């Protein structure tokens, strides 16, 4: 059923925090799909597989739940009416594909939860409908630069139709992620007020240990969102892990909301050759996550090039911490 009240979603967060020290997010979707053989060399990115290989998306969601994730983030990051229109899909067909992204995650969650053994020590996981930034629709890397040249009202007009669809799908909340600038974050937060039952987290992409991708102080951004009751958590994603310690400290000092982080694996992307370089390990990612939690992060997961193995490694120390 559709999202009903933001307070209900907030209470779900509270239930997780009561039973364990943090809420464990999932890891990368698109790069995990690529690791399993999918070709995502397309402006639609992971949304391409909503058309071509939906079963693979469902399987990745299930594998993250099995690894310990409390949340699945859907394959709707790059799913916009504009992007689908460029592929010849009309409004109704595009809306159906967006709804499919949530359906696949819910089916994976329900399959996971149907097994009694999976329920031991767990709370029923959540599904967060991904809302990518305006720059993701442009497919030119703008989500890592900002400076769109659009007003907040124009950004609200862009995001509104997709939110109208996603909020009727049965997702528990929205994941407004990889947001490069305060203007877009504020546009999304304001837009939520048009949907009284909606709840979301807002997560920025950042270029260093203090600034979002557009160059604004993260501390100013999270402070500006603090009064929006429908924004349940704020933080950082799709950012190099070496910056997360500082960013968590900046955010924690300027918001009363839970801080979330889901950085990249630590590998570096060569945009010219479209290749990732580096050799991170799950144990190293989990050890870093321990430090992010110590600094105040309460929702932790992974973004590009992280995997179910990374989430499982974080889950192991989190479970030990909760039982201590």
Protein backbone atom coordinates (compact mmCIF):
# COMPACT_ATOMS: atom_id res chain seq x y z
CA UNK A 1 0.00 0.00 0.00
CA UNK A 2 1.19 3.60 -0.45
CA UNK A 3 3.11 5.53 2.15
CA UNK A 4 0.68 6.68 4.84
CA UNK A 5 2.34 8.92 7.42
CA UNK A 6 5.83 10.22 7.97
CA UNK A 7 5.47 9.49 11.68
CA UNK A 8 4.85 5.82 10.88
CA UNK A 9 8.09 5.67 8.89
CA UNK A 10 9.89 7.47 11.69
CA UNK A 11 8.68 4.87 14.16
CA UNK A 12 10.13 2.16 11.90
CA UNK A 13 13.53 3.82 12.23
CA UNK A 14 13.08 3.91 15.98
CA UNK A 15 12.31 0.19 16.06
CA UNK A 16 15.58 -0.58 14.30
CA UNK A 17 17.58 1.67 16.59
CA UNK A 18 15.98 0.05 19.63
CA UNK A 19 17.09 -3.41 18.56
CA UNK A 20 20.56 -2.63 17.20
CA UNK A 21 23.13 0.13 17.15
CA UNK A 22 22.51 1.15 13.55
CA UNK A 23 20.20 0.68 10.59
CA UNK A 24 22.08 -1.21 7.89
CA UNK A 25 21.50 0.00 4.34
CA UNK A 26 22.23 -2.06 1.24
CA UNK A 27 25.18 -1.56 -1.10
CA UNK A 28 25.62 -0.70 -4.76
CA UNK A 29 22.95 -1.77 -7.21
CA UNK A 30 24.25 -0.68 -10.63
CA UNK A 31 27.87 -1.75 -10.20
CA UNK A 32 26.73 -5.01 -8.58
CA UNK A 33 24.53 -5.68 -11.60
CA UNK A 34 27.55 -5.01 -13.82
CA UNK A 35 29.65 -7.38 -11.70
CA UNK A 36 27.07 -10.04 -12.48
CA UNK A 37 27.37 -9.47 -16.22
CA UNK A 38 24.82 -6.76 -16.99
CA UNK A 39 25.67 -4.14 -19.62
CA UNK A 40 24.73 -0.74 -18.19
CA UNK A 41 26.52 1.40 -20.76
CA UNK A 42 23.36 3.39 -21.30
CA UNK A 43 21.92 6.74 -20.12
CA UNK A 44 19.28 4.77 -18.20
CA UNK A 45 22.02 2.99 -16.21
CA UNK A 46 20.45 0.47 -13.79
CA UNK A 47 16.94 1.48 -14.91
CA UNK A 48 17.80 -0.17 -18.25
CA UNK A 49 17.40 -3.54 -16.55
CA UNK A 50 13.84 -2.72 -15.52
CA UNK A 51 13.19 -3.30 -19.20
CA UNK A 52 15.70 -6.06 -19.97
CA UNK A 53 16.53 -8.10 -16.84
CA UNK A 54 14.15 -7.38 -13.96
CA UNK A 55 14.81 -10.78 -12.37
CA UNK A 56 18.47 -9.85 -11.88
CA UNK A 57 17.48 -6.68 -10.01
CA UNK A 58 15.21 -8.71 -7.75
CA UNK A 59 18.00 -11.19 -7.03
CA UNK A 60 20.46 -8.46 -6.05
CA UNK A 61 17.90 -7.00 -3.64
CA UNK A 62 17.40 -10.45 -2.11
CA UNK A 63 21.13 -11.01 -1.74
CA UNK A 64 21.47 -7.74 0.18
CA UNK A 65 18.67 -8.77 2.55
CA UNK A 66 20.40 -12.12 3.08
CA UNK A 67 23.63 -10.22 3.81
CA UNK A 68 21.89 -8.33 6.61
CA UNK A 69 20.58 -5.16 4.97
CA UNK A 70 17.60 -3.53 6.65
CA UNK A 71 16.77 -1.45 3.56
CA UNK A 72 16.65 -2.06 -0.19
CA UNK A 73 17.06 0.99 -2.41
CA UNK A 74 15.22 0.62 -5.70
CA UNK A 75 16.45 0.78 -9.31
CA UNK A 76 14.69 4.11 -9.93
CA UNK A 77 17.71 6.41 -9.49
CA UNK A 78 17.85 7.24 -13.20
CA UNK A 79 14.22 6.41 -13.95
CA UNK A 80 12.63 9.68 -15.06
CA UNK A 81 9.92 10.51 -17.54
CA UNK A 82 12.46 12.45 -19.61
CA UNK A 83 14.92 9.54 -19.75
CA UNK A 84 12.28 7.00 -20.71
CA UNK A 85 10.80 9.37 -23.31
CA UNK A 86 14.18 9.42 -25.07
CA UNK A 87 13.80 5.65 -25.40
CA UNK A 88 10.30 5.94 -26.84
CA UNK A 89 8.27 5.21 -23.70
CA UNK A 90 5.18 7.33 -23.11
CA UNK A 91 4.09 8.64 -19.72
CA UNK A 92 2.05 5.58 -18.78
CA UNK A 93 4.78 3.13 -19.76
CA UNK A 94 7.43 5.13 -17.90
CA UNK A 95 5.27 5.27 -14.79
CA UNK A 96 4.79 1.52 -14.95
CA UNK A 97 8.54 0.94 -15.11
CA UNK A 98 9.08 3.22 -12.11
CA UNK A 99 6.47 1.26 -10.20
CA UNK A 100 8.20 -1.96 -11.28
CA UNK A 101 11.40 -0.81 -9.57
CA UNK A 102 9.59 -0.77 -6.23
CA UNK A 103 7.67 -3.96 -6.94
CA UNK A 104 10.90 -5.88 -7.51
CA UNK A 105 12.33 -4.73 -4.18
CA UNK A 106 9.10 -5.55 -2.36
CA UNK A 107 9.00 -9.00 -3.93
CA UNK A 108 12.58 -9.62 -2.81
CA UNK A 109 11.77 -8.38 0.69
CA UNK A 110 8.66 -10.54 0.92
CA UNK A 111 10.51 -13.62 -0.34
CA UNK A 112 13.21 -13.02 2.27
CA UNK A 113 10.68 -12.48 5.06
CA UNK A 114 8.64 -15.56 4.14
CA UNK A 115 11.44 -17.80 5.44
CA UNK A 116 11.12 -18.12 9.23
CA UNK A 117 14.87 -18.52 9.67
CA UNK A 118 15.44 -15.08 8.14
CA UNK A 119 13.25 -13.44 10.78
CA UNK A 120 15.39 -14.48 13.74
CA UNK A 121 16.77 -11.35 15.36
CA UNK A 122 15.52 -9.18 12.48
CA UNK A 123 12.91 -6.50 11.93
CA UNK A 124 11.02 -6.64 8.64
CA UNK A 125 13.23 -4.72 6.19
CA UNK A 126 12.21 -1.50 4.47
CA UNK A 127 12.06 -0.51 0.80
CA UNK A 128 13.32 2.97 -0.13
CA UNK A 129 12.36 4.29 -3.56
CA UNK A 130 15.43 5.94 -5.05
CA UNK A 131 15.05 9.53 -6.27
CA UNK A 132 18.15 10.52 -8.17
CA UNK A 133 19.11 14.17 -8.77
CA UNK A 134 18.30 16.27 -11.80
CA UNK A 135 21.87 15.68 -12.97
CA UNK A 136 21.27 11.94 -13.21
CA UNK A 137 18.63 12.57 -15.87
CA UNK A 138 21.18 14.62 -17.84
CA UNK A 139 23.56 11.63 -17.69
CA UNK A 140 26.57 13.94 -17.97
CA UNK A 141 27.99 13.77 -14.45
CA UNK A 142 26.13 16.88 -13.25
CA UNK A 143 25.25 15.16 -9.98
CA UNK A 144 28.94 15.55 -9.09
CA UNK A 145 29.11 19.23 -10.07
CA UNK A 146 25.76 20.89 -9.38
CA UNK A 147 25.38 24.42 -10.79
CA UNK A 148 22.33 23.41 -12.81
CA UNK A 149 21.22 26.96 -13.51
CA UNK A 150 17.68 26.10 -12.37
CA UNK A 151 15.55 27.66 -9.65
CA UNK A 152 14.18 25.65 -6.75
CA UNK A 153 10.73 25.95 -8.32
CA UNK A 154 12.01 24.48 -11.58
CA UNK A 155 13.63 21.62 -9.69
CA UNK A 156 10.36 20.97 -7.87
CA UNK A 157 8.56 20.86 -11.22
CA UNK A 158 11.08 18.31 -12.47
CA UNK A 159 10.84 16.00 -9.46
CA UNK A 160 7.08 16.27 -8.80
CA UNK A 161 5.77 13.80 -11.45
CA UNK A 162 8.16 11.05 -10.41
CA UNK A 163 7.39 11.50 -6.72
CA UNK A 164 3.68 11.26 -7.51
CA UNK A 165 4.31 7.82 -9.02
CA UNK A 166 6.77 6.49 -6.44
CA UNK A 167 4.63 7.53 -3.50
CA UNK A 168 1.84 5.22 -4.69
CA UNK A 169 3.94 2.09 -5.04
CA UNK A 170 4.13 0.68 -1.52
CA UNK A 171 7.65 1.90 -0.74
CA UNK A 172 8.24 2.72 2.91
CA UNK A 173 10.09 5.95 2.15
CA UNK A 174 12.03 7.83 -0.52
CA UNK A 175 15.81 7.84 -0.84
CA UNK A 176 16.69 11.25 -2.31
CA UNK A 177 20.32 10.57 -3.05
CA UNK A 178 23.52 11.88 -4.61
CA UNK A 179 22.17 15.42 -4.35
CA UNK A 180 24.95 17.87 -5.29
CA UNK A 181 23.58 21.12 -3.89
CA UNK A 182 21.38 22.66 -1.23
CA UNK A 183 18.95 24.15 -3.77
CA UNK A 184 17.93 20.71 -5.01
CA UNK A 185 17.78 19.29 -1.49
CA UNK A 186 15.56 22.14 -0.38
CA UNK A 187 13.38 21.70 -3.49
CA UNK A 188 12.84 18.05 -2.57
CA UNK A 189 12.17 18.85 1.08
CA UNK A 190 9.62 21.50 0.09
CA UNK A 191 8.04 19.14 -2.41
CA UNK A 192 7.45 16.57 0.32
CA UNK A 193 5.05 18.98 2.00
CA UNK A 194 2.74 18.59 -1.02
CA UNK A 195 2.45 14.90 -0.07
CA UNK A 196 1.56 14.85 3.64
CA UNK A 197 2.10 11.11 3.93
CA UNK A 198 5.58 11.12 2.41
CA UNK A 199 8.85 10.51 4.22
CA UNK A 200 12.41 10.56 2.88
CA UNK A 201 16.07 10.72 3.57
CA UNK A 202 18.23 13.25 1.73
CA UNK A 203 21.82 12.39 0.97
CA UNK A 204 24.45 14.62 -0.66
CA UNK A 205 27.36 13.80 -2.94
CA UNK A 206 30.50 15.48 -1.59
CA UNK A 207 33.83 16.50 -3.09
CA UNK A 208 35.93 16.59 0.10
CA UNK A 209 35.61 16.34 3.86
CA UNK A 210 33.53 19.50 4.27
CA UNK A 211 31.71 20.41 1.04
CA UNK A 212 29.01 18.98 -1.18
CA UNK A 213 29.75 18.55 -4.88
CA UNK A 214 28.75 22.12 -5.68
CA UNK A 215 31.12 23.43 -3.01
CA UNK A 216 28.67 24.34 -0.25
CA UNK A 217 29.41 23.40 3.36
CA UNK A 218 27.68 20.16 4.30
CA UNK A 219 27.08 21.60 7.75
CA UNK A 220 25.02 24.42 6.24
CA UNK A 221 23.04 21.96 4.12
CA UNK A 222 22.02 19.62 6.93
CA UNK A 223 21.20 22.58 9.17
CA UNK A 224 18.91 23.99 6.47
CA UNK A 225 16.98 20.70 6.34
CA UNK A 226 16.64 20.29 10.08
CA UNK A 227 13.16 21.81 10.32
CA UNK A 228 11.59 19.58 7.65
CA UNK A 229 9.79 16.88 9.65
CA UNK A 230 9.28 14.64 6.61
CA UNK A 231 13.04 14.39 6.09
CA UNK A 232 13.84 11.54 8.47
CA UNK A 233 17.63 11.43 8.02
CA UNK A 234 20.37 13.38 6.25
CA UNK A 235 23.84 12.50 5.13
CA UNK A 236 26.24 11.56 2.36
CA UNK A 237 26.52 8.96 -0.38
CA UNK A 238 28.52 8.24 -3.55
CA UNK A 239 31.55 9.89 -1.98
CA UNK A 240 35.10 8.66 -1.36
CA UNK A 241 35.31 6.86 2.00
CA UNK A 242 38.35 8.87 3.11
CA UNK A 243 36.11 11.93 3.46
CA UNK A 244 33.36 10.28 5.50
CA UNK A 245 34.85 10.69 9.00
CA UNK A 246 34.97 14.45 8.62
CA UNK A 247 31.61 14.67 6.88
CA UNK A 248 29.88 12.68 9.62
CA UNK A 249 31.34 14.99 12.25
CA UNK A 250 30.21 18.06 10.28
CA UNK A 251 26.69 16.70 9.88
CA UNK A 252 26.33 15.38 13.43
CA UNK A 253 27.19 18.80 14.87
CA UNK A 254 24.53 20.63 12.84
CA UNK A 255 21.43 18.41 12.79
CA UNK A 256 19.16 16.64 15.23
CA UNK A 257 18.26 14.06 12.59
CA UNK A 258 19.97 10.68 12.26
CA UNK A 259 23.03 10.86 10.01
CA UNK A 260 23.36 8.35 7.19
CA UNK A 261 26.39 7.49 5.07
CA UNK A 262 26.82 5.11 2.17
CA UNK A 263 30.08 5.92 0.41
CA UNK A 264 31.78 4.27 -2.51
CA UNK A 265 34.09 1.30 -1.98
CA UNK A 266 37.31 3.29 -2.17
CA UNK A 267 38.05 2.40 -5.78
CA UNK A 268 38.50 5.31 -8.17
CA UNK A 269 36.66 5.68 -11.46
CA UNK A 270 38.49 6.49 -14.71
CA UNK A 271 35.79 8.29 -16.69
CA UNK A 272 37.89 8.28 -19.87
CA UNK A 273 38.23 4.51 -20.03
CA UNK A 274 35.11 3.78 -17.94
CA UNK A 275 37.04 1.57 -15.56
CA UNK A 276 37.40 1.28 -11.79
CA UNK A 277 40.84 1.00 -10.21
CA UNK A 278 41.79 -0.20 -6.76
CA UNK A 279 41.49 -3.31 -4.65
CA UNK A 280 39.31 -2.67 -1.60
CA UNK A 281 38.29 -5.49 0.74
CA UNK A 282 35.08 -6.13 2.64
CA UNK A 283 36.94 -6.28 5.95
CA UNK A 284 38.50 -2.87 5.32
CA UNK A 285 35.13 -1.36 4.42
CA UNK A 286 33.61 -2.82 7.59
CA UNK A 287 36.41 -1.42 9.71
CA UNK A 288 35.87 2.02 8.20
CA UNK A 289 32.15 1.69 8.88
CA UNK A 290 32.93 1.04 12.53
CA UNK A 291 34.67 4.42 12.63
CA UNK A 292 31.75 6.19 10.91
CA UNK A 293 29.41 4.75 13.51
CA UNK A 294 31.70 5.84 16.33
CA UNK A 295 31.54 9.40 14.98
CA UNK A 296 27.75 9.40 14.96
CA UNK A 297 26.43 7.76 11.77
CA UNK A 298 23.28 5.78 12.55
CA UNK A 299 22.41 4.50 9.05
CA UNK A 300 25.32 2.93 7.15
CA UNK A 301 25.61 1.17 3.80
CA UNK A 302 27.55 1.32 0.57
CA UNK A 303 27.35 2.98 -2.83
CA UNK A 304 29.35 2.36 -6.04
CA UNK A 305 31.43 -0.84 -6.15
CA UNK A 306 30.30 -2.10 -2.76
CA UNK A 307 28.71 -5.53 -2.65
CA UNK A 308 26.67 -7.92 -0.51
CA UNK A 309 29.99 -9.10 0.93
CA UNK A 310 30.69 -5.58 2.22
CA UNK A 311 27.25 -5.35 3.81
CA UNK A 312 27.67 -8.81 5.37
CA UNK A 313 31.00 -7.72 6.87
CA UNK A 314 29.41 -4.61 8.39
CA UNK A 315 26.53 -6.73 9.66
CA UNK A 316 28.89 -9.09 11.50
CA UNK A 317 30.45 -6.41 13.67
CA UNK A 318 27.14 -4.60 14.08
CA UNK A 319 25.49 -7.79 15.34
CA UNK A 320 28.37 -8.41 17.74
CA UNK A 321 28.10 -4.81 18.97
CA UNK A 322 24.35 -5.11 19.51
CA UNK A 323 24.80 -8.33 21.49
CA UNK A 324 27.58 -7.00 23.70
